[in-house]
Amino acid sequence: MSWLSEYVRPRIRTLFSRSEVPENLWIQCPSCQQMLFKNDLDRSLKVCSHCGYHLRVKASERLTYTFDPIVDGVGGPTRIELPRVPQDPLAFRDSKRYSDRLKESREKTGLYDAILVAHGTISGHRAVVAAMDFEFMGGSMGAAVGEAIISAARLAVLQAAPLIIFTASGGARMYEGAVSLMQMPRTTIAVQMVKEAGLPFITVLTDPTTGGVTASFAMLGDIQIAEPGALIGFAGPRVIEQTVRETLPDGFQRAEYLHAHGIVDLVVKRGDMREHLGRIIGLLRERTPKELNLDAA
């Protein structure tokens, strides 16, 4: 073969070959099925521009959306290191070992467990925020999540700051058995510790919030906020229908239905969440209105 076939032709093919397109360049909206450009979706905080559907987000993204942005090196979330707990306390195994499931979830998400905790400012107000991540084993609550919420509560008391928890969970983690169920009273006590210190406790219920999380700290907020369309409940609608043998109302267990029936206080769009949280914190922490001068009275 000549140098034309050995060198020139391969070089030409390389120059004019089609470039590879990233697999995640477009994302389909689960609600309206529209194809969304990933960069546009990121700019809209993962809210569909066609139908307003709120896609699920990672815990790290939630913290970025919630805290004040970094300006001149100041602002943004400061994550805390969370306590480590014994892995696989029951040596549980079904189709695979629980320890292997944990390893796979950690490699997939880059998280130690299904929650992150950080502190910073929201509209200039100090706050401690815990955000659950549904990608990590369905956001299920085991010992690690329980310890994280207790750590967040202690930090809030230490900083005299409100505690905000973004919930996203399928409930207690079955692989830990009674250990996971014990996190329900433990997290309830942690919330009570914050309230006894005279600090606000705010829950933001995102899609989905179910099971033992709903039955414990998620429903104990001084103010309870939900994202639009979020599924919130203990058992799922299909299980309830099969149990009561009745057809449930349209939108049952969705954020708007619960708001109409007084279960949640507000339904707030993701893009407005930081502003609403800042306003609520200001109202709850400002014991004396600025415009009222009690000394003059």
Protein backbone atom coordinates (compact mmCIF):
# COMPACT_ATOMS: atom_id res chain seq x y z
CA MET A 1 0.00 0.00 0.00
CA SER A 2 1.09 3.54 -0.71
CA TRP A 3 1.33 6.33 1.83
CA LEU A 4 -1.97 7.67 0.42
CA SER A 5 -3.95 4.67 1.66
CA GLU A 6 -1.93 4.12 4.83
CA TYR A 7 -1.75 7.70 6.11
CA VAL A 8 -3.79 10.26 4.14
CA ARG A 9 -7.06 8.31 3.88
CA PRO A 10 -7.31 7.53 7.66
CA ARG A 11 -6.56 11.17 8.45
CA ILE A 12 -9.34 12.35 6.12
CA ARG A 13 -11.79 9.91 7.67
CA THR A 14 -10.89 11.18 11.14
CA LEU A 15 -11.38 14.81 10.16
CA PHE A 16 -14.77 14.26 8.56
CA SER A 17 -16.19 11.57 10.85
CA ARG A 18 -19.27 12.46 12.85
CA SER A 19 -18.57 13.65 16.39
CA GLU A 20 -20.13 11.69 19.21
CA VAL A 21 -23.25 13.23 20.73
CA PRO A 22 -23.55 12.97 24.54
CA GLU A 23 -26.29 10.59 25.60
CA ASN A 24 -27.78 13.00 28.14
CA LEU A 25 -27.93 16.03 25.85
CA TRP A 26 -31.75 15.84 25.78
CA ILE A 27 -34.08 14.80 28.60
CA GLN A 28 -37.72 13.85 28.17
CA CYS A 29 -40.22 15.43 30.54
CA PRO A 30 -42.00 12.63 32.47
CA SER A 31 -45.25 14.62 32.39
CA CYS A 32 -45.73 16.13 28.91
CA GLN A 33 -43.14 13.95 27.10
CA GLN A 34 -41.47 17.00 25.53
CA MET A 35 -37.75 16.76 24.81
CA LEU A 36 -35.83 19.31 26.89
CA PHE A 37 -32.31 20.54 26.18
CA LYS A 38 -30.23 19.70 29.26
CA ASN A 39 -28.56 23.11 29.53
CA ASP A 40 -31.94 24.87 29.38
CA LEU A 41 -33.31 22.45 31.96
CA ASP A 42 -30.41 23.16 34.31
CA ARG A 43 -30.99 26.91 34.00
CA SER A 44 -34.68 26.44 34.87
CA LEU A 45 -33.74 24.46 38.03
CA LYS A 46 -35.04 21.30 36.34
CA VAL A 47 -38.57 22.59 35.84
CA CYS A 48 -40.16 21.79 32.47
CA SER A 49 -40.60 24.95 30.40
CA HIS A 50 -43.63 23.45 28.62
CA CYS A 51 -45.83 22.14 31.44
CA GLY A 52 -44.13 23.32 34.64
CA TYR A 53 -43.44 19.78 35.84
CA HIS A 54 -40.82 19.68 38.62
CA LEU A 55 -38.28 16.96 37.85
CA ARG A 56 -36.48 15.31 40.75
CA VAL A 57 -33.13 16.85 41.66
CA LYS A 58 -30.04 15.67 43.50
CA ALA A 59 -29.35 16.70 47.09
CA SER A 60 -26.30 18.70 46.01
CA GLU A 61 -28.38 20.62 43.47
CA ARG A 62 -31.02 21.28 46.10
CA LEU A 63 -28.46 22.90 48.38
CA THR A 64 -27.18 25.09 45.54
CA TYR A 65 -30.72 26.20 44.66
CA THR A 66 -31.55 27.01 48.29
CA PHE A 67 -28.60 28.91 49.70
CA ASP A 68 -27.54 32.39 48.61
CA PRO A 69 -25.21 32.24 45.59
CA ILE A 70 -21.49 32.76 45.95
CA VAL A 71 -20.52 36.42 45.43
CA ASP A 72 -16.87 37.49 45.76
CA GLY A 73 -16.08 34.21 47.44
CA VAL A 74 -18.85 34.60 50.02
CA GLY A 75 -22.07 32.60 50.16
CA GLY A 76 -23.13 29.19 49.00
CA PRO A 77 -23.59 26.07 51.11
CA THR A 78 -20.94 24.76 53.50
CA ARG A 79 -21.41 21.03 53.88
CA ILE A 80 -20.72 19.29 57.16
CA GLU A 81 -19.19 15.86 57.58
CA LEU A 82 -21.83 13.43 58.75
CA PRO A 83 -21.33 10.63 61.30
CA ARG A 84 -20.48 7.18 60.00
CA VAL A 85 -22.68 4.32 61.15
CA PRO A 86 -22.19 0.53 61.18
CA GLN A 87 -22.84 -0.87 57.73
CA ASP A 88 -25.26 -3.74 57.22
CA PRO A 89 -26.02 -4.27 60.94
CA LEU A 90 -28.26 -7.27 60.17
CA ALA A 91 -26.03 -8.83 57.48
CA PHE A 92 -29.14 -8.61 55.30
CA ARG A 93 -29.32 -10.43 52.00
CA ASP A 94 -32.10 -11.03 49.50
CA SER A 95 -31.18 -11.26 45.81
CA LYS A 96 -27.88 -9.58 46.76
CA ARG A 97 -26.12 -8.36 49.88
CA TYR A 98 -27.19 -5.07 51.41
CA SER A 99 -23.51 -4.10 51.65
CA ASP A 100 -23.24 -4.54 47.88
CA ARG A 101 -26.32 -2.38 47.33
CA LEU A 102 -24.75 0.35 49.46
CA LYS A 103 -21.52 0.14 47.47
CA GLU A 104 -23.38 0.43 44.15
CA SER A 105 -25.45 3.40 45.33
CA ARG A 106 -22.36 5.20 46.61
CA GLU A 107 -20.54 4.68 43.33
CA LYS A 108 -23.59 5.82 41.34
CA THR A 109 -24.38 8.98 43.34
CA GLY A 110 -21.09 9.93 44.96
CA LEU A 111 -22.89 10.16 48.31
CA TYR A 112 -22.25 8.29 51.55
CA ASP A 113 -26.00 7.94 52.08
CA ALA A 114 -29.33 9.46 51.07
CA ILE A 115 -28.87 12.90 52.65
CA LEU A 116 -26.61 15.95 52.73
CA VAL A 117 -26.45 18.64 55.43
CA ALA A 118 -25.07 22.15 54.99
CA HIS A 119 -25.25 25.59 56.57
CA GLY A 120 -25.11 29.08 55.10
CA THR A 121 -27.46 31.97 54.44
CA ILE A 122 -30.85 32.20 52.75
CA SER A 123 -31.75 35.77 51.75
CA GLY A 124 -29.15 36.86 54.29
CA HIS A 125 -30.56 34.73 57.14
CA ARG A 126 -28.46 31.97 58.66
CA ALA A 127 -29.94 28.50 58.21
CA VAL A 128 -29.11 24.81 58.42
CA VAL A 129 -30.48 22.70 55.56
CA ALA A 130 -30.73 18.93 55.17
CA ALA A 131 -31.59 17.63 51.69
CA MET A 132 -32.55 14.04 50.94
CA ASP A 133 -31.62 12.39 47.64
CA PHE A 134 -34.08 9.97 46.04
CA GLU A 135 -31.38 8.57 43.73
CA PHE A 136 -29.71 6.90 46.71
CA MET A 137 -31.81 3.78 47.32
CA GLY A 138 -35.06 5.70 46.90
CA GLY A 139 -34.11 8.19 49.61
CA SER A 140 -34.86 5.51 52.18
CA MET A 141 -34.21 6.32 55.85
CA GLY A 142 -31.74 4.14 57.67
CA ALA A 143 -29.35 4.77 60.55
CA ALA A 144 -27.17 7.11 58.46
CA VAL A 145 -30.10 9.37 57.57
CA GLY A 146 -31.24 9.40 61.18
CA GLU A 147 -27.77 10.39 62.41
CA ALA A 148 -27.58 13.10 59.74
CA ILE A 149 -30.85 14.69 60.85
CA ILE A 150 -29.77 14.58 64.49
CA SER A 151 -26.47 16.26 63.49
CA ALA A 152 -28.39 18.91 61.54
CA ALA A 153 -30.62 19.60 64.55
CA ARG A 154 -27.62 19.93 66.87
CA LEU A 155 -25.91 22.29 64.44
CA ALA A 156 -29.06 24.43 64.17
CA VAL A 157 -29.21 24.74 67.97
CA LEU A 158 -25.49 25.50 68.14
CA GLN A 159 -25.79 28.24 65.51
CA ALA A 160 -29.19 29.46 66.79
CA ALA A 161 -30.41 29.04 63.21
CA PRO A 162 -33.61 27.58 61.74
CA LEU A 163 -33.57 24.01 60.48
CA ILE A 164 -34.96 23.27 57.01
CA ILE A 165 -35.33 19.73 55.68
CA PHE A 166 -36.10 18.90 52.05
CA THR A 167 -37.70 15.46 52.04
CA ALA A 168 -37.59 12.98 49.14
CA SER A 169 -38.04 9.43 50.29
CA GLY A 170 -39.80 6.14 49.82
CA GLY A 171 -39.79 5.59 53.59
CA ALA A 172 -37.82 3.44 56.02
CA ARG A 173 -34.99 1.25 54.67
CA MET A 174 -36.16 -2.35 54.84
CA TYR A 175 -32.61 -3.73 54.72
CA GLU A 176 -31.99 -2.38 58.24
CA GLY A 177 -35.18 -3.74 59.77
CA ALA A 178 -35.98 -2.37 63.25
CA VAL A 179 -32.87 -0.18 63.10
CA SER A 180 -34.49 1.89 60.35
CA LEU A 181 -37.81 2.05 62.22
CA MET A 182 -36.04 3.43 65.30
CA GLN A 183 -35.02 6.47 63.24
CA MET A 184 -38.64 7.65 63.33
CA PRO A 185 -38.66 8.45 67.08
CA ARG A 186 -35.01 9.58 66.97
CA THR A 187 -35.66 12.16 64.27
CA THR A 188 -38.83 13.26 66.05
CA ILE A 189 -36.80 13.92 69.21
CA ALA A 190 -34.23 15.84 67.14
CA VAL A 191 -36.98 18.08 65.76
CA GLN A 192 -38.32 18.65 69.28
CA MET A 193 -34.84 19.71 70.38
CA VAL A 194 -34.87 22.45 67.73
CA LYS A 195 -38.33 23.63 68.75
CA GLU A 196 -37.46 23.69 72.45
CA ALA A 197 -34.57 26.01 71.57
CA GLY A 198 -37.14 28.43 70.12
CA LEU A 199 -35.91 27.92 66.56
CA PRO A 200 -38.09 27.47 63.45
CA PHE A 201 -38.34 24.06 61.86
CA ILE A 202 -39.46 24.13 58.22
CA THR A 203 -40.13 21.12 56.02
CA VAL A 204 -40.20 21.24 52.22
CA LEU A 205 -41.95 18.15 50.89
CA THR A 206 -40.78 17.14 47.42
CA ASP A 207 -41.70 14.28 45.11
CA PRO A 208 -42.04 11.72 46.59
CA THR A 209 -42.37 11.91 50.38
CA THR A 210 -43.86 8.69 51.71
CA GLY A 211 -43.65 5.97 54.35
CA GLY A 212 -41.79 6.36 57.62
CA VAL A 213 -40.40 9.77 56.68
CA THR A 214 -43.93 11.14 56.31
CA ALA A 215 -44.89 9.41 59.57
CA SER A 216 -42.11 11.14 61.49
CA PHE A 217 -40.23 14.41 61.02
CA ALA A 218 -41.66 15.37 57.61
CA MET A 219 -45.04 16.31 59.08
CA LEU A 220 -43.74 18.15 62.15
CA GLY A 221 -42.76 21.44 60.54
CA ASP A 222 -43.82 24.77 62.02
CA ILE A 223 -44.33 25.64 58.36
CA GLN A 224 -44.88 22.89 55.80
CA ILE A 225 -44.18 23.68 52.17
CA ALA A 226 -44.58 21.43 49.15
CA GLU A 227 -43.35 21.60 45.58
CA PRO A 228 -46.03 21.52 42.86
CA GLY A 229 -47.27 18.05 42.00
CA ALA A 230 -45.31 16.30 44.77
CA LEU A 231 -46.63 12.93 45.91
CA ILE A 232 -47.02 13.07 49.70
CA GLY A 233 -48.48 10.36 51.88
CA PHE A 234 -47.82 7.26 53.94
CA ALA A 235 -48.97 4.39 51.71
CA GLY A 236 -49.27 4.81 47.95
CA PRO A 237 -52.62 5.56 46.26
CA ARG A 238 -52.85 2.08 44.71
CA VAL A 239 -52.38 0.40 48.10
CA ILE A 240 -55.04 2.64 49.66
CA GLU A 241 -57.51 1.93 46.86
CA GLN A 242 -57.01 -1.80 47.27
CA THR A 243 -57.47 -1.50 51.03
CA VAL A 244 -60.59 0.70 51.19
CA ARG A 245 -61.97 -0.64 47.88
CA GLU A 246 -62.97 2.82 46.74
CA THR A 247 -61.88 5.10 43.91
CA LEU A 248 -59.77 7.94 45.24
CA PRO A 249 -60.39 11.58 44.22
CA ASP A 250 -58.37 13.08 41.37
CA GLY A 251 -55.04 14.40 42.56
CA PHE A 252 -55.26 12.48 45.84
CA GLN A 253 -52.01 12.77 47.86
CA ARG A 254 -50.64 15.42 45.53
CA ALA A 255 -49.36 18.73 46.93
CA GLU A 256 -52.28 20.80 45.64
CA TYR A 257 -54.86 18.40 47.10
CA LEU A 258 -53.13 18.42 50.49
CA HIS A 259 -52.90 22.22 50.43
CA ALA A 260 -56.62 22.50 49.72
CA HIS A 261 -57.30 20.21 52.71
CA GLY A 262 -54.97 21.99 55.14
CA ILE A 263 -52.17 19.40 55.34
CA VAL A 264 -49.51 21.70 53.90
CA ASP A 265 -49.31 25.46 54.31
CA LEU A 266 -47.89 26.48 50.94
CA VAL A 267 -47.23 25.08 47.48
CA VAL A 268 -44.20 26.93 46.14
CA LYS A 269 -42.50 26.65 42.75
CA ARG A 270 -38.84 25.70 42.85
CA GLY A 271 -37.71 28.99 41.34
CA ASP A 272 -39.46 30.93 44.13
CA MET A 273 -38.39 28.67 47.00
CA ARG A 274 -35.35 30.62 48.19
CA GLU A 275 -37.29 33.90 48.31
CA HIS A 276 -40.19 32.30 50.21
CA LEU A 277 -37.88 30.57 52.69
CA GLY A 278 -36.00 33.82 53.32
CA ARG A 279 -39.26 35.68 53.95
CA ILE A 280 -40.57 33.00 56.29
CA ILE A 281 -37.32 32.86 58.26
CA GLY A 282 -37.36 36.64 58.58
CA LEU A 283 -40.92 36.61 59.91
CA LEU A 284 -40.29 33.80 62.38
CA ARG A 285 -36.97 35.15 63.63
CA GLU A 286 -37.92 38.84 63.84
CA ARG A 287 -39.52 38.92 67.28
CA THR A 288 -40.21 42.66 67.17
CA PRO A 289 -41.36 44.24 63.89
CA LYS A 290 -38.86 46.86 62.75
CA GLU A 291 -41.53 49.46 62.13
CA LEU A 292 -42.82 49.20 65.71
CA ASN A 293 -40.82 51.22 68.26
CA LEU A 294 -41.84 49.93 71.66
CA ASP A 295 -39.56 52.37 73.52
CA ALA A 296 -41.39 55.33 72.04
CA ALA A 297 -44.72 53.84 73.15
